[in-house]
Amino acid sequence: ENLRLDIADHEFVTIVGASGCGKSTFLRLLLGTEQPTSGSILIDG
């Protein structure tokens, strides 16, 4: 819910959290195999 984030070029972002809290879902959104229910993800704008 309501993820807001800006990542600069060449950052190495590590993600931790309890099992089932959406970490892998977030990767699938970045990969494009799943789409957000609402909101948007931009790569290079």
PDB file of all heavy atoms in Angstrom:
ATOM      1  N   GLU A   1       0.820  -1.207   0.000  1.00  0.00           N
ATOM      2  CA  GLU A   1       0.000   0.000   0.000  1.00  0.00           C
ATOM      3  C   GLU A   1       0.856   1.261   0.000  1.00  0.00           C
ATOM      4  O   GLU A   1       1.797   1.423   0.758  1.00  0.00           O
ATOM      5  CB  GLU A   1      -0.965   0.012   1.182  1.00  0.00           C
ATOM      6  CG  GLU A   1      -0.356   0.059   2.560  1.00  0.00           C
ATOM      7  CD  GLU A   1      -1.432   0.266   3.634  1.00  0.00           C
ATOM      8  OE1 GLU A   1      -2.200  -0.681   3.927  1.00  0.00           O
ATOM      9  OE2 GLU A   1      -1.503   1.395   4.160  1.00  0.00           O
ATOM     10  N   ASN A   2       0.526   2.110  -0.951  1.00  0.00           N
ATOM     11  CA  ASN A   2       1.045   3.475  -1.026  1.00  0.00           C
ATOM     12  C   ASN A   2       2.574   3.551  -0.988  1.00  0.00           C
ATOM     13  O   ASN A   2       3.157   4.331  -0.239  1.00  0.00           O
ATOM     14  CB  ASN A   2       0.458   4.320   0.118  1.00  0.00           C
ATOM     15  CG  ASN A   2       0.532   5.801  -0.200  1.00  0.00           C
ATOM     16  OD1 ASN A   2       0.493   6.204  -1.356  1.00  0.00           O
ATOM     17  ND2 ASN A   2       0.627   6.627   0.833  1.00  0.00           N
ATOM     18  N   LEU A   3       3.214   2.755  -1.850  1.00  0.00           N
ATOM     19  CA  LEU A   3       4.676   2.815  -1.931  1.00  0.00           C
ATOM     20  C   LEU A   3       5.097   4.067  -2.688  1.00  0.00           C
ATOM     21  O   LEU A   3       4.612   4.330  -3.797  1.00  0.00           O
ATOM     22  CB  LEU A   3       5.238   1.588  -2.657  1.00  0.00           C
ATOM     23  CG  LEU A   3       5.012   0.218  -2.038  1.00  0.00           C
ATOM     24  CD1 LEU A   3       5.804  -0.824  -2.801  1.00  0.00           C
ATOM     25  CD2 LEU A   3       5.375   0.190  -0.566  1.00  0.00           C
ATOM     26  N   ARG A   4       5.991   4.843  -2.076  1.00  0.00           N
ATOM     27  CA  ARG A   4       6.539   6.043  -2.717  1.00  0.00           C
ATOM     28  C   ARG A   4       8.048   6.023  -2.550  1.00  0.00           C
ATOM     29  O   ARG A   4       8.543   5.966  -1.424  1.00  0.00           O
ATOM     30  CB  ARG A   4       5.939   7.308  -2.087  1.00  0.00           C
ATOM     31  CG  ARG A   4       4.482   7.538  -2.469  1.00  0.00           C
ATOM     32  CD  ARG A   4       3.901   8.720  -1.742  1.00  0.00           C
ATOM     33  NE  ARG A   4       3.518   8.352  -0.376  1.00  0.00           N
ATOM     34  CZ  ARG A   4       3.131   9.235   0.531  1.00  0.00           C
ATOM     35  NH1 ARG A   4       3.097  10.520   0.247  1.00  0.00           N
ATOM     36  NH2 ARG A   4       2.784   8.834   1.741  1.00  0.00           N
ATOM     37  N   LEU A   5       8.759   6.087  -3.682  1.00  0.00           N
ATOM     38  CA  LEU A   5      10.189   5.821  -3.624  1.00  0.00           C
ATOM     39  C   LEU A   5      10.872   6.393  -4.856  1.00  0.00           C
ATOM     40  O   LEU A   5      10.324   6.344  -5.955  1.00  0.00           O
ATOM     41  CB  LEU A   5      10.384   4.300  -3.593  1.00  0.00           C
ATOM     42  CG  LEU A   5      11.756   3.713  -3.307  1.00  0.00           C
ATOM     43  CD1 LEU A   5      12.219   4.071  -1.904  1.00  0.00           C
ATOM     44  CD2 LEU A   5      11.710   2.195  -3.485  1.00  0.00           C
ATOM     45  N   ASP A   6      12.054   6.943  -4.671  1.00  0.00           N
ATOM     46  CA  ASP A   6      12.897   7.377  -5.783  1.00  0.00           C
ATOM     47  C   ASP A   6      14.273   6.748  -5.626  1.00  0.00           C
ATOM     48  O   ASP A   6      14.915   6.907  -4.578  1.00  0.00           O
ATOM     49  CB  ASP A   6      13.028   8.907  -5.813  1.00  0.00           C
ATOM     50  CG  ASP A   6      11.743   9.578  -6.274  1.00  0.00           C
ATOM     51  OD1 ASP A   6      11.339   9.323  -7.423  1.00  0.00           O
ATOM     52  OD2 ASP A   6      11.148  10.333  -5.487  1.00  0.00           O
ATOM     53  N   ILE A   7      14.709   6.053  -6.666  1.00  0.00           N
ATOM     54  CA  ILE A   7      15.992   5.350  -6.646  1.00  0.00           C
ATOM     55  C   ILE A   7      16.885   5.964  -7.718  1.00  0.00           C
ATOM     56  O   ILE A   7      16.503   6.049  -8.896  1.00  0.00           O
ATOM     57  CB  ILE A   7      15.811   3.849  -6.919  1.00  0.00           C
ATOM     58  CG1 ILE A   7      14.891   3.224  -5.868  1.00  0.00           C
ATOM     59  CG2 ILE A   7      17.162   3.136  -6.949  1.00  0.00           C
ATOM     60  CD1 ILE A   7      15.407   3.280  -4.453  1.00  0.00           C
ATOM     61  N   ALA A   8      18.080   6.378  -7.321  1.00  0.00           N
ATOM     62  CA  ALA A   8      19.020   6.988  -8.254  1.00  0.00           C
ATOM     63  C   ALA A   8      19.710   5.919  -9.102  1.00  0.00           C
ATOM     64  O   ALA A   8      19.715   4.729  -8.767  1.00  0.00           O
ATOM     65  CB  ALA A   8      20.065   7.807  -7.492  1.00  0.00           C
ATOM     66  N   ASP A   9      20.305   6.356 -10.187  1.00  0.00           N
ATOM     67  CA  ASP A   9      21.061   5.463 -11.056  1.00  0.00           C
ATOM     68  C   ASP A   9      22.200   4.815 -10.280  1.00  0.00           C
ATOM     69  O   ASP A   9      22.879   5.461  -9.478  1.00  0.00           O
ATOM     70  CB  ASP A   9      21.614   6.270 -12.234  1.00  0.00           C
ATOM     71  CG  ASP A   9      22.441   5.422 -13.178  1.00  0.00           C
ATOM     72  OD1 ASP A   9      21.994   4.313 -13.542  1.00  0.00           O
ATOM     73  OD2 ASP A   9      23.549   5.858 -13.539  1.00  0.00           O
ATOM     74  N   HIS A  10      22.415   3.516 -10.490  1.00  0.00           N
ATOM     75  CA  HIS A  10      23.537   2.750  -9.956  1.00  0.00           C
ATOM     76  C   HIS A  10      23.455   2.551  -8.442  1.00  0.00           C
ATOM     77  O   HIS A  10      24.448   2.248  -7.797  1.00  0.00           O
ATOM     78  CB  HIS A  10      24.879   3.399 -10.336  1.00  0.00           C
ATOM     79  CG  HIS A  10      26.065   2.500 -10.108  1.00  0.00           C
ATOM     80  ND1 HIS A  10      26.100   1.193 -10.514  1.00  0.00           N
ATOM     81  CD2 HIS A  10      27.259   2.746  -9.491  1.00  0.00           C
ATOM     82  CE1 HIS A  10      27.273   0.665 -10.181  1.00  0.00           C
ATOM     83  NE2 HIS A  10      27.991   1.579  -9.551  1.00  0.00           N
ATOM     84  N   GLU A  11      22.276   2.688  -7.859  1.00  0.00           N
ATOM     85  CA  GLU A  11      22.120   2.317  -6.458  1.00  0.00           C
ATOM     86  C   GLU A  11      22.016   0.799  -6.338  1.00  0.00           C
ATOM     87  O   GLU A  11      21.577   0.098  -7.254  1.00  0.00           O
ATOM     88  CB  GLU A  11      20.879   2.972  -5.846  1.00  0.00           C
ATOM     89  CG  GLU A  11      21.040   4.433  -5.515  1.00  0.00           C
ATOM     90  CD  GLU A  11      20.109   4.885  -4.396  1.00  0.00           C
ATOM     91  OE1 GLU A  11      20.321   4.450  -3.244  1.00  0.00           O
ATOM     92  OE2 GLU A  11      19.178   5.652  -4.689  1.00  0.00           O
ATOM     93  N   PHE A  12      22.422   0.287  -5.174  1.00  0.00           N
ATOM     94  CA  PHE A  12      22.267  -1.128  -4.841  1.00  0.00           C
ATOM     95  C   PHE A  12      21.302  -1.176  -3.667  1.00  0.00           C
ATOM     96  O   PHE A  12      21.680  -0.923  -2.526  1.00  0.00           O
ATOM     97  CB  PHE A  12      23.613  -1.748  -4.471  1.00  0.00           C
ATOM     98  CG  PHE A  12      23.627  -3.261  -4.457  1.00  0.00           C
ATOM     99  CD1 PHE A  12      24.588  -3.953  -5.172  1.00  0.00           C
ATOM    100  CD2 PHE A  12      22.692  -3.980  -3.725  1.00  0.00           C
ATOM    101  CE1 PHE A  12      24.617  -5.347  -5.165  1.00  0.00           C
ATOM    102  CE2 PHE A  12      22.701  -5.367  -3.710  1.00  0.00           C
ATOM    103  CZ  PHE A  12      23.680  -6.063  -4.428  1.00  0.00           C
ATOM    104  N   VAL A  13      20.046  -1.476  -3.960  1.00  0.00           N
ATOM    105  CA  VAL A  13      18.979  -1.422  -2.965  1.00  0.00           C
ATOM    106  C   VAL A  13      18.725  -2.825  -2.428  1.00  0.00           C
ATOM    107  O   VAL A  13      18.385  -3.740  -3.180  1.00  0.00           O
ATOM    108  CB  VAL A  13      17.683  -0.861  -3.579  1.00  0.00           C
ATOM    109  CG1 VAL A  13      16.585  -0.793  -2.519  1.00  0.00           C
ATOM    110  CG2 VAL A  13      17.932   0.504  -4.197  1.00  0.00           C
ATOM    111  N   THR A  14      18.908  -3.013  -1.117  1.00  0.00           N
ATOM    112  CA  THR A  14      18.575  -4.289  -0.497  1.00  0.00           C
ATOM    113  C   THR A  14      17.248  -4.141   0.240  1.00  0.00           C
ATOM    114  O   THR A  14      16.943  -3.084   0.797  1.00  0.00           O
ATOM    115  CB  THR A  14      19.679  -4.737   0.470  1.00  0.00           C
ATOM    116  OG1 THR A  14      19.984  -3.688   1.388  1.00  0.00           O
ATOM    117  CG2 THR A  14      20.935  -5.111  -0.293  1.00  0.00           C
ATOM    118  N   ILE A  15      16.448  -5.217   0.221  1.00  0.00           N
ATOM    119  CA  ILE A  15      15.086  -5.187   0.742  1.00  0.00           C
ATOM    120  C   ILE A  15      14.908  -6.343   1.716  1.00  0.00           C
ATOM    121  O   ILE A  15      15.161  -7.505   1.371  1.00  0.00           O
ATOM    122  CB  ILE A  15      14.053  -5.301  -0.393  1.00  0.00           C
ATOM    123  CG1 ILE A  15      14.266  -4.196  -1.442  1.00  0.00           C
ATOM    124  CG2 ILE A  15      12.633  -5.251   0.156  1.00  0.00           C
ATOM    125  CD1 ILE A  15      13.447  -4.390  -2.702  1.00  0.00           C
ATOM    126  N   VAL A  16      14.488  -6.025   2.935  1.00  0.00           N
ATOM    127  CA  VAL A  16      14.248  -7.052   3.949  1.00  0.00           C
ATOM    128  C   VAL A  16      12.842  -6.868   4.503  1.00  0.00           C
ATOM    129  O   VAL A  16      12.198  -5.832   4.318  1.00  0.00           O
ATOM    130  CB  VAL A  16      15.282  -6.972   5.094  1.00  0.00           C
ATOM    131  CG1 VAL A  16      16.688  -7.244   4.576  1.00  0.00           C
ATOM    132  CG2 VAL A  16      15.230  -5.615   5.799  1.00  0.00           C
ATOM    133  N   GLY A  17      12.375  -7.890   5.211  1.00  0.00           N
ATOM    134  CA  GLY A  17      11.050  -7.837   5.808  1.00  0.00           C
ATOM    135  C   GLY A  17      10.557  -9.240   6.091  1.00  0.00           C
ATOM    136  O   GLY A  17      11.124 -10.222   5.618  1.00  0.00           O
ATOM    137  N   ALA A  18       9.485  -9.334   6.851  1.00  0.00           N
ATOM    138  CA  ALA A  18       8.920 -10.634   7.207  1.00  0.00           C
ATOM    139  C   ALA A  18       8.386 -11.341   5.970  1.00  0.00           C
ATOM    140  O   ALA A  18       8.061 -10.716   4.950  1.00  0.00           O
ATOM    141  CB  ALA A  18       7.801 -10.437   8.233  1.00  0.00           C
ATOM    142  N   SER A  19       8.310 -12.666   6.054  1.00  0.00           N
ATOM    143  CA  SER A  19       7.737 -13.446   4.955  1.00  0.00           C
ATOM    144  C   SER A  19       6.306 -12.999   4.685  1.00  0.00           C
ATOM    145  O   SER A  19       5.532 -12.747   5.613  1.00  0.00           O
ATOM    146  CB  SER A  19       7.750 -14.934   5.302  1.00  0.00           C
ATOM    147  OG  SER A  19       9.073 -15.401   5.449  1.00  0.00           O
ATOM    148  N   GLY A  20       5.969 -12.873   3.412  1.00  0.00           N
ATOM    149  CA  GLY A  20       4.612 -12.506   3.036  1.00  0.00           C
ATOM    150  C   GLY A  20       4.309 -11.029   3.052  1.00  0.00           C
ATOM    151  O   GLY A  20       3.139 -10.636   2.905  1.00  0.00           O
ATOM    152  N   CYS A  21       5.346 -10.182   3.215  1.00  0.00           N
ATOM    153  CA  CYS A  21       5.075  -8.739   3.298  1.00  0.00           C
ATOM    154  C   CYS A  21       5.224  -8.045   1.943  1.00  0.00           C
ATOM    155  O   CYS A  21       5.250  -6.812   1.886  1.00  0.00           O
ATOM    156  CB  CYS A  21       5.979  -8.080   4.340  1.00  0.00           C
ATOM    157  SG  CYS A  21       7.721  -8.049   3.888  1.00  0.00           S
ATOM    158  N   GLY A  22       5.342  -8.804   0.857  1.00  0.00           N
ATOM    159  CA  GLY A  22       5.278  -8.190  -0.470  1.00  0.00           C
ATOM    160  C   GLY A  22       6.606  -7.888  -1.120  1.00  0.00           C
ATOM    161  O   GLY A  22       6.641  -7.228  -2.164  1.00  0.00           O
ATOM    162  N   LYS A  23       7.719  -8.397  -0.579  1.00  0.00           N
ATOM    163  CA  LYS A  23       9.038  -8.099  -1.168  1.00  0.00           C
ATOM    164  C   LYS A  23       9.155  -8.664  -2.579  1.00  0.00           C
ATOM    165  O   LYS A  23       9.541  -7.946  -3.518  1.00  0.00           O
ATOM    166  CB  LYS A  23      10.158  -8.666  -0.289  1.00  0.00           C
ATOM    167  CG  LYS A  23      10.132  -8.201   1.154  1.00  0.00           C
ATOM    168  CD  LYS A  23      11.298  -8.725   1.957  1.00  0.00           C
ATOM    169  CE  LYS A  23      11.380 -10.235   2.017  1.00  0.00           C
ATOM    170  NZ  LYS A  23      10.228 -10.852   2.719  1.00  0.00           N
ATOM    171  N   SER A  24       8.819  -9.936  -2.748  1.00  0.00           N
ATOM    172  CA  SER A  24       8.903 -10.548  -4.075  1.00  0.00           C
ATOM    173  C   SER A  24       7.851  -9.986  -5.018  1.00  0.00           C
ATOM    174  O   SER A  24       8.082  -9.849  -6.224  1.00  0.00           O
ATOM    175  CB  SER A  24       8.762 -12.073  -3.969  1.00  0.00           C
ATOM    176  OG  SER A  24       9.866 -12.635  -3.275  1.00  0.00           O
ATOM    177  N   THR A  25       6.697  -9.625  -4.465  1.00  0.00           N
ATOM    178  CA  THR A  25       5.671  -8.971  -5.291  1.00  0.00           C
ATOM    179  C   THR A  25       6.206  -7.666  -5.856  1.00  0.00           C
ATOM    180  O   THR A  25       5.986  -7.345  -7.037  1.00  0.00           O
ATOM    181  CB  THR A  25       4.414  -8.700  -4.451  1.00  0.00           C
ATOM    182  OG1 THR A  25       3.877  -9.941  -3.987  1.00  0.00           O
ATOM    183  CG2 THR A  25       3.358  -7.969  -5.266  1.00  0.00           C
ATOM    184  N   PHE A  26       6.928  -6.911  -5.034  1.00  0.00           N
ATOM    185  CA  PHE A  26       7.520  -5.661  -5.505  1.00  0.00           C
ATOM    186  C   PHE A  26       8.502  -5.912  -6.642  1.00  0.00           C
ATOM    187  O   PHE A  26       8.516  -5.175  -7.643  1.00  0.00           O
ATOM    188  CB  PHE A  26       8.208  -4.954  -4.339  1.00  0.00           C
ATOM    189  CG  PHE A  26       8.860  -3.646  -4.709  1.00  0.00           C
ATOM    190  CD1 PHE A  26       8.112  -2.619  -5.257  1.00  0.00           C
ATOM    191  CD2 PHE A  26      10.219  -3.448  -4.502  1.00  0.00           C
ATOM    192  CE1 PHE A  26       8.704  -1.403  -5.604  1.00  0.00           C
ATOM    193  CE2 PHE A  26      10.823  -2.240  -4.837  1.00  0.00           C
ATOM    194  CZ  PHE A  26      10.067  -1.216  -5.394  1.00  0.00           C
ATOM    195  N   LEU A  27       9.312  -6.968  -6.550  1.00  0.00           N
ATOM    196  CA  LEU A  27      10.233  -7.290  -7.646  1.00  0.00           C
ATOM    197  C   LEU A  27       9.467  -7.640  -8.924  1.00  0.00           C
ATOM    198  O   LEU A  27       9.869  -7.249 -10.018  1.00  0.00           O
ATOM    199  CB  LEU A  27      11.144  -8.459  -7.265  1.00  0.00           C
ATOM    200  CG  LEU A  27      12.247  -8.212  -6.239  1.00  0.00           C
ATOM    201  CD1 LEU A  27      13.233  -9.377  -6.253  1.00  0.00           C
ATOM    202  CD2 LEU A  27      12.982  -6.902  -6.483  1.00  0.00           C
ATOM    203  N   ARG A  28       8.368  -8.378  -8.770  1.00  0.00           N
ATOM    204  CA  ARG A  28       7.579  -8.723  -9.959  1.00  0.00           C
ATOM    205  C   ARG A  28       6.962  -7.488 -10.602  1.00  0.00           C
ATOM    206  O   ARG A  28       6.814  -7.419 -11.835  1.00  0.00           O
ATOM    207  CB  ARG A  28       6.501  -9.746  -9.607  1.00  0.00           C
ATOM    208  CG  ARG A  28       7.060 -11.121  -9.252  1.00  0.00           C
ATOM    209  CD  ARG A  28       5.979 -12.179  -9.244  1.00  0.00           C
ATOM    210  NE  ARG A  28       4.983 -11.962  -8.208  1.00  0.00           N
ATOM    211  CZ  ARG A  28       5.078 -12.419  -6.958  1.00  0.00           C
ATOM    212  NH1 ARG A  28       6.140 -13.135  -6.601  1.00  0.00           N
ATOM    213  NH2 ARG A  28       4.120 -12.204  -6.083  1.00  0.00           N
ATOM    214  N   LEU A  29       6.607  -6.498  -9.801  1.00  0.00           N
ATOM    215  CA  LEU A  29       6.119  -5.231 -10.356  1.00  0.00           C
ATOM    216  C   LEU A  29       7.227  -4.526 -11.134  1.00  0.00           C
ATOM    217  O   LEU A  29       6.992  -3.968 -12.217  1.00  0.00           O
ATOM    218  CB  LEU A  29       5.609  -4.316  -9.235  1.00  0.00           C
ATOM    219  CG  LEU A  29       4.374  -4.774  -8.471  1.00  0.00           C
ATOM    220  CD1 LEU A  29       4.081  -3.819  -7.319  1.00  0.00           C
ATOM    221  CD2 LEU A  29       3.163  -4.886  -9.383  1.00  0.00           C
ATOM    222  N   LEU A  30       8.448  -4.548 -10.605  1.00  0.00           N
ATOM    223  CA  LEU A  30       9.574  -3.935 -11.313  1.00  0.00           C
ATOM    224  C   LEU A  30       9.912  -4.696 -12.586  1.00  0.00           C
ATOM    225  O   LEU A  30      10.292  -4.095 -13.592  1.00  0.00           O
ATOM    226  CB  LEU A  30      10.797  -3.893 -10.397  1.00  0.00           C
ATOM    227  CG  LEU A  30      10.728  -2.946  -9.193  1.00  0.00           C
ATOM    228  CD1 LEU A  30      11.928  -3.170  -8.284  1.00  0.00           C
ATOM    229  CD2 LEU A  30      10.667  -1.487  -9.648  1.00  0.00           C
ATOM    230  N   LEU A  31       9.756  -6.012 -12.549  1.00  0.00           N
ATOM    231  CA  LEU A  31      10.041  -6.826 -13.731  1.00  0.00           C
ATOM    232  C   LEU A  31       8.980  -6.643 -14.808  1.00  0.00           C
ATOM    233  O   LEU A  31       9.271  -6.736 -16.004  1.00  0.00           O
ATOM    234  CB  LEU A  31      10.142  -8.297 -13.329  1.00  0.00           C
ATOM    235  CG  LEU A  31      10.524  -9.295 -14.421  1.00  0.00           C
ATOM    236  CD1 LEU A  31      11.918  -9.008 -14.966  1.00  0.00           C
ATOM    237  CD2 LEU A  31      10.441 -10.723 -13.880  1.00  0.00           C
ATOM    238  N   GLY A  32       7.742  -6.384 -14.383  1.00  0.00           N
ATOM    239  CA  GLY A  32       6.661  -6.210 -15.348  1.00  0.00           C
ATOM    240  C   GLY A  32       5.789  -7.427 -15.517  1.00  0.00           C
ATOM    241  O   GLY A  32       4.875  -7.424 -16.341  1.00  0.00           O
ATOM    242  N   THR A  33       6.042  -8.503 -14.738  1.00  0.00           N
ATOM    243  CA  THR A  33       5.181  -9.683 -14.828  1.00  0.00           C
ATOM    244  C   THR A  33       3.862  -9.469 -14.081  1.00  0.00           C
ATOM    245  O   THR A  33       2.911 -10.227 -14.274  1.00  0.00           O
ATOM    246  CB  THR A  33       5.892 -10.924 -14.270  1.00  0.00           C
ATOM    247  OG1 THR A  33       6.334 -10.661 -12.932  1.00  0.00           O
ATOM    248  CG2 THR A  33       7.091 -11.288 -15.136  1.00  0.00           C
ATOM    249  N   GLU A  34       3.825  -8.461 -13.216  1.00  0.00           N
ATOM    250  CA  GLU A  34       2.579  -8.034 -12.582  1.00  0.00           C
ATOM    251  C   GLU A  34       2.502  -6.521 -12.660  1.00  0.00           C
ATOM    252  O   GLU A  34       3.528  -5.843 -12.774  1.00  0.00           O
ATOM    253  CB  GLU A  34       2.504  -8.505 -11.125  1.00  0.00           C
ATOM    254  CG  GLU A  34       2.469 -10.009 -10.978  1.00  0.00           C
ATOM    255  CD  GLU A  34       2.066 -10.447  -9.587  1.00  0.00           C
ATOM    256  OE1 GLU A  34       1.288  -9.709  -8.937  1.00  0.00           O
ATOM    257  OE2 GLU A  34       2.516 -11.511  -9.156  1.00  0.00           O
ATOM    258  N   GLN A  35       1.275  -6.003 -12.597  1.00  0.00           N
ATOM    259  CA  GLN A  35       1.064  -4.562 -12.682  1.00  0.00           C
ATOM    260  C   GLN A  35       0.438  -4.049 -11.390  1.00  0.00           C
ATOM    261  O   GLN A  35      -0.317  -4.766 -10.721  1.00  0.00           O
ATOM    262  CB  GLN A  35       0.158  -4.214 -13.873  1.00  0.00           C
ATOM    263  CG  GLN A  35       0.848  -4.288 -15.225  1.00  0.00           C
ATOM    264  CD  GLN A  35       1.172  -5.708 -15.639  1.00  0.00           C
ATOM    265  OE1 GLN A  35       0.299  -6.569 -15.649  1.00  0.00           O
ATOM    266  NE2 GLN A  35       2.432  -5.961 -15.987  1.00  0.00           N
ATOM    267  N   PRO A  36       0.735  -2.803 -11.017  1.00  0.00           N
ATOM    268  CA  PRO A  36       0.112  -2.236  -9.821  1.00  0.00           C
ATOM    269  C   PRO A  36      -1.409  -2.168  -9.965  1.00  0.00           C
ATOM    270  O   PRO A  36      -1.929  -1.961 -11.059  1.00  0.00           O
ATOM    271  CB  PRO A  36       0.712  -0.824  -9.742  1.00  0.00           C
ATOM    272  CG  PRO A  36       1.935  -0.856 -10.594  1.00  0.00           C
ATOM    273  CD  PRO A  36       1.647  -1.852 -11.681  1.00  0.00           C
ATOM    274  N   THR A  37      -2.099  -2.347  -8.850  1.00  0.00           N
ATOM    275  CA  THR A  37      -3.543  -2.125  -8.848  1.00  0.00           C
ATOM    276  C   THR A  37      -3.841  -0.651  -9.055  1.00  0.00           C
ATOM    277  O   THR A  37      -4.795  -0.274  -9.736  1.00  0.00           O
ATOM    278  CB  THR A  37      -4.141  -2.619  -7.523  1.00  0.00           C
ATOM    279  OG1 THR A  37      -3.784  -4.000  -7.332  1.00  0.00           O
ATOM    280  CG2 THR A  37      -5.653  -2.492  -7.529  1.00  0.00           C
ATOM    281  N   SER A  38      -3.020   0.194  -8.447  1.00  0.00           N
ATOM    282  CA  SER A  38      -3.086   1.636  -8.688  1.00  0.00           C
ATOM    283  C   SER A  38      -1.704   2.219  -8.468  1.00  0.00           C
ATOM    284  O   SER A  38      -0.833   1.597  -7.877  1.00  0.00           O
ATOM    285  CB  SER A  38      -4.113   2.307  -7.756  1.00  0.00           C
ATOM    286  OG  SER A  38      -3.741   2.133  -6.404  1.00  0.00           O
ATOM    287  N   GLY A  39      -1.506   3.437  -8.963  1.00  0.00           N
ATOM    288  CA  GLY A  39      -0.189   4.053  -8.912  1.00  0.00           C
ATOM    289  C   GLY A  39       0.633   3.693 -10.133  1.00  0.00           C
ATOM    290  O   GLY A  39       0.143   3.036 -11.070  1.00  0.00           O
ATOM    291  N   SER A  40       1.891   4.108 -10.158  1.00  0.00           N
ATOM    292  CA  SER A  40       2.726   3.882 -11.338  1.00  0.00           C
ATOM    293  C   SER A  40       4.185   3.711 -10.946  1.00  0.00           C
ATOM    294  O   SER A  40       4.624   4.156  -9.882  1.00  0.00           O
ATOM    295  CB  SER A  40       2.595   5.063 -12.315  1.00  0.00           C
ATOM    296  OG  SER A  40       3.034   6.260 -11.702  1.00  0.00           O
ATOM    297  N   ILE A  41       4.923   3.041 -11.835  1.00  0.00           N
ATOM    298  CA  ILE A  41       6.369   2.871 -11.691  1.00  0.00           C
ATOM    299  C   ILE A  41       7.021   3.407 -12.954  1.00  0.00           C
ATOM    300  O   ILE A  41       6.635   3.031 -14.075  1.00  0.00           O
ATOM    301  CB  ILE A  41       6.748   1.398 -11.477  1.00  0.00           C
ATOM    302  CG1 ILE A  41       6.079   0.856 -10.206  1.00  0.00           C
ATOM    303  CG2 ILE A  41       8.265   1.242 -11.378  1.00  0.00           C
ATOM    304  CD1 ILE A  41       6.336  -0.625  -9.960  1.00  0.00           C
ATOM    305  N   LEU A  42       7.984   4.302 -12.797  1.00  0.00           N
ATOM    306  CA  LEU A  42       8.682   4.911 -13.925  1.00  0.00           C
ATOM    307  C   LEU A  42      10.146   4.482 -13.910  1.00  0.00           C
ATOM    308  O   LEU A  42      10.777   4.437 -12.854  1.00  0.00           O
ATOM    309  CB  LEU A  42       8.598   6.435 -13.847  1.00  0.00           C
ATOM    310  CG  LEU A  42       7.223   7.065 -13.665  1.00  0.00           C
ATOM    311  CD1 LEU A  42       7.355   8.575 -13.554  1.00  0.00           C
ATOM    312  CD2 LEU A  42       6.297   6.686 -14.812  1.00  0.00           C
ATOM    313  N   ILE A  43      10.673   4.172 -15.085  1.00  0.00           N
ATOM    314  CA  ILE A  43      12.103   3.919 -15.260  1.00  0.00           C
ATOM    315  C   ILE A  43      12.636   4.998 -16.179  1.00  0.00           C
ATOM    316  O   ILE A  43      12.150   5.171 -17.301  1.00  0.00           O
ATOM    317  CB  ILE A  43      12.370   2.530 -15.851  1.00  0.00           C
ATOM    318  CG1 ILE A  43      11.907   1.441 -14.868  1.00  0.00           C
ATOM    319  CG2 ILE A  43      13.865   2.341 -16.142  1.00  0.00           C
ATOM    320  CD1 ILE A  43      12.093   0.027 -15.387  1.00  0.00           C
ATOM    321  N   ASP A  44      13.587   5.770 -15.692  1.00  0.00           N
ATOM    322  CA  ASP A  44      14.131   6.915 -16.427  1.00  0.00           C
ATOM    323  C   ASP A  44      13.016   7.857 -16.875  1.00  0.00           C
ATOM    324  O   ASP A  44      13.023   8.386 -17.990  1.00  0.00           O
ATOM    325  CB  ASP A  44      14.956   6.443 -17.629  1.00  0.00           C
ATOM    326  CG  ASP A  44      16.220   5.701 -17.211  1.00  0.00           C
ATOM    327  OD1 ASP A  44      16.699   5.937 -16.089  1.00  0.00           O
ATOM    328  OD2 ASP A  44      16.714   4.881 -18.001  1.00  0.00           O
ATOM    329  N   GLY A  45      12.016   8.015 -16.012  1.00  0.00           N
ATOM    330  CA  GLY A  45      10.935   8.956 -16.271  1.00  0.00           C
ATOM    331  C   GLY A  45       9.832   8.448 -17.173  1.00  0.00           C
ATOM    332  O   GLY A  45       8.875   9.173 -17.435  1.00  0.00           O
TER     333      GLY A  45
END
